[in-house]
């Protein structure tokens, strides 16, 4: 029950956040070498961030289910992870 509540809270917070999509002015070709040359720290940081988020929100819950964790425990973990990500925005 607590896992469902955490998930619902996360959804409410996400759905009530106001955002404006960026204005699309045209197409751009992105070349990874050029992006890396401009800012290697940002390039590596974005890659590592994507890797960590993917592992925490997809791979870890799958591994927990294989190890026999209950679905409610996995859901609570995911709910807390989402709430933590929202809280830091």
C-alpha atoms as a PDB file:
ATOM      1  CA  UNK A   1       0.000   0.000   0.000  1.00  0.00           C
ATOM      2  CA  UNK A   2       2.812   2.408   0.839  1.00  0.00           C
ATOM      3  CA  UNK A   3       4.491   1.637  -2.469  1.00  0.00           C
ATOM      4  CA  UNK A   4       1.370   2.616  -4.371  1.00  0.00           C
ATOM      5  CA  UNK A   5       1.099   5.834  -2.387  1.00  0.00           C
ATOM      6  CA  UNK A   6       4.713   6.771  -3.132  1.00  0.00           C
ATOM      7  CA  UNK A   7       4.207   6.062  -6.809  1.00  0.00           C
ATOM      8  CA  UNK A   8       1.015   8.140  -6.901  1.00  0.00           C
ATOM      9  CA  UNK A   9       2.729  11.045  -5.135  1.00  0.00           C
ATOM     10  CA  UNK A  10       5.536  10.920  -7.696  1.00  0.00           C
ATOM     11  CA  UNK A  11       3.021  10.939 -10.563  1.00  0.00           C
ATOM     12  CA  UNK A  12       1.085  13.870  -9.079  1.00  0.00           C
ATOM     13  CA  UNK A  13       4.253  15.907  -8.655  1.00  0.00           C
ATOM     14  CA  UNK A  14       5.366  15.144 -12.213  1.00  0.00           C
ATOM     15  CA  UNK A  15       1.988  15.894 -13.760  1.00  0.00           C
ATOM     16  CA  UNK A  16       1.536  19.216 -11.935  1.00  0.00           C
ATOM     17  CA  UNK A  17       4.959  20.568 -12.832  1.00  0.00           C
ATOM     18  CA  UNK A  18       4.618  23.326 -15.409  1.00  0.00           C
ATOM     19  CA  UNK A  19       7.009  23.149 -18.305  1.00  0.00           C
ATOM     20  CA  UNK A  20       7.122  24.859 -21.656  1.00  0.00           C
ATOM     21  CA  UNK A  21       8.549  22.899 -24.561  1.00  0.00           C
ATOM     22  CA  UNK A  22      11.404  24.595 -26.379  1.00  0.00           C
ATOM     23  CA  UNK A  23      10.686  26.310 -29.659  1.00  0.00           C
ATOM     24  CA  UNK A  24      11.894  24.211 -32.573  1.00  0.00           C
ATOM     25  CA  UNK A  25      13.753  26.397 -35.055  1.00  0.00           C
ATOM     26  CA  UNK A  26      15.162  23.740 -37.332  1.00  0.00           C
ATOM     27  CA  UNK A  27      17.189  20.586 -37.642  1.00  0.00           C
ATOM     28  CA  UNK A  28      20.704  20.233 -36.346  1.00  0.00           C
ATOM     29  CA  UNK A  29      23.280  17.546 -36.934  1.00  0.00           C
ATOM     30  CA  UNK A  30      24.942  16.426 -33.718  1.00  0.00           C
ATOM     31  CA  UNK A  31      28.415  15.008 -34.018  1.00  0.00           C
ATOM     32  CA  UNK A  32      29.674  13.385 -30.853  1.00  0.00           C
ATOM     33  CA  UNK A  33      33.297  14.277 -31.497  1.00  0.00           C
ATOM     34  CA  UNK A  34      32.428  17.957 -31.806  1.00  0.00           C
ATOM     35  CA  UNK A  35      30.320  17.890 -28.638  1.00  0.00           C
ATOM     36  CA  UNK A  36      33.109  16.128 -26.764  1.00  0.00           C
ATOM     37  CA  UNK A  37      35.649  18.643 -28.077  1.00  0.00           C
ATOM     38  CA  UNK A  38      33.498  21.558 -26.866  1.00  0.00           C
ATOM     39  CA  UNK A  39      32.981  20.215 -23.345  1.00  0.00           C
ATOM     40  CA  UNK A  40      34.414  16.847 -22.379  1.00  0.00           C
ATOM     41  CA  UNK A  41      33.228  17.178 -18.783  1.00  0.00           C
ATOM     42  CA  UNK A  42      29.598  17.760 -19.785  1.00  0.00           C
ATOM     43  CA  UNK A  43      29.752  14.941 -22.335  1.00  0.00           C
ATOM     44  CA  UNK A  44      31.065  12.416 -19.811  1.00  0.00           C
ATOM     45  CA  UNK A  45      28.720  13.725 -17.098  1.00  0.00           C
ATOM     46  CA  UNK A  46      25.649  13.291 -19.296  1.00  0.00           C
ATOM     47  CA  UNK A  47      26.739   9.773 -20.249  1.00  0.00           C
ATOM     48  CA  UNK A  48      27.406   8.743 -16.641  1.00  0.00           C
ATOM     49  CA  UNK A  49      24.117  10.272 -15.488  1.00  0.00           C
ATOM     50  CA  UNK A  50      22.185   8.333 -18.117  1.00  0.00           C
ATOM     51  CA  UNK A  51      24.011   5.151 -17.211  1.00  0.00           C
ATOM     52  CA  UNK A  52      23.328   5.516 -13.481  1.00  0.00           C
ATOM     53  CA  UNK A  53      19.654   6.371 -13.973  1.00  0.00           C
ATOM     54  CA  UNK A  54      19.171   3.420 -16.315  1.00  0.00           C
ATOM     55  CA  UNK A  55      20.826   1.039 -13.885  1.00  0.00           C
ATOM     56  CA  UNK A  56      18.920   2.303 -10.844  1.00  0.00           C
ATOM     57  CA  UNK A  57      15.485   2.414 -12.442  1.00  0.00           C
ATOM     58  CA  UNK A  58      15.645  -0.620 -14.752  1.00  0.00           C
ATOM     59  CA  UNK A  59      18.446  -3.062 -14.047  1.00  0.00           C
ATOM     60  CA  UNK A  60      18.339  -3.020 -10.221  1.00  0.00           C
ATOM     61  CA  UNK A  61      14.569  -3.761 -10.001  1.00  0.00           C
ATOM     62  CA  UNK A  62      14.974  -6.620 -12.472  1.00  0.00           C
ATOM     63  CA  UNK A  63      17.851  -8.036 -10.436  1.00  0.00           C
ATOM     64  CA  UNK A  64      15.832  -7.705  -7.250  1.00  0.00           C
ATOM     65  CA  UNK A  65      12.945  -9.624  -8.813  1.00  0.00           C
ATOM     66  CA  UNK A  66      15.326 -12.383  -9.905  1.00  0.00           C
ATOM     67  CA  UNK A  67      16.675 -12.564  -6.340  1.00  0.00           C
ATOM     68  CA  UNK A  68      13.133 -13.021  -5.021  1.00  0.00           C
ATOM     69  CA  UNK A  69      12.321  -9.591  -3.568  1.00  0.00           C
ATOM     70  CA  UNK A  70       8.626  -8.875  -3.187  1.00  0.00           C
ATOM     71  CA  UNK A  71       7.016  -6.613  -5.767  1.00  0.00           C
ATOM     72  CA  UNK A  72       6.004  -4.131  -3.067  1.00  0.00           C
ATOM     73  CA  UNK A  73       9.612  -3.780  -1.897  1.00  0.00           C
ATOM     74  CA  UNK A  74      10.783  -3.131  -5.458  1.00  0.00           C
ATOM     75  CA  UNK A  75       7.960  -0.614  -5.990  1.00  0.00           C
ATOM     76  CA  UNK A  76       8.875   1.259  -2.808  1.00  0.00           C
ATOM     77  CA  UNK A  77      12.474   1.461  -3.967  1.00  0.00           C
ATOM     78  CA  UNK A  78      11.438   2.817  -7.365  1.00  0.00           C
ATOM     79  CA  UNK A  79       9.021   5.275  -5.784  1.00  0.00           C
ATOM     80  CA  UNK A  80      11.707   6.594  -3.457  1.00  0.00           C
ATOM     81  CA  UNK A  81      14.142   6.888  -6.365  1.00  0.00           C
ATOM     82  CA  UNK A  82      11.627   8.889  -8.414  1.00  0.00           C
ATOM     83  CA  UNK A  83      10.758  11.122  -5.467  1.00  0.00           C
ATOM     84  CA  UNK A  84      14.450  11.732  -4.861  1.00  0.00           C
ATOM     85  CA  UNK A  85      14.964  12.704  -8.483  1.00  0.00           C
ATOM     86  CA  UNK A  86      11.992  15.077  -8.385  1.00  0.00           C
ATOM     87  CA  UNK A  87      13.110  16.599  -5.089  1.00  0.00           C
ATOM     88  CA  UNK A  88      16.521  17.517  -6.509  1.00  0.00           C
ATOM     89  CA  UNK A  89      15.051  19.389  -9.496  1.00  0.00           C
END
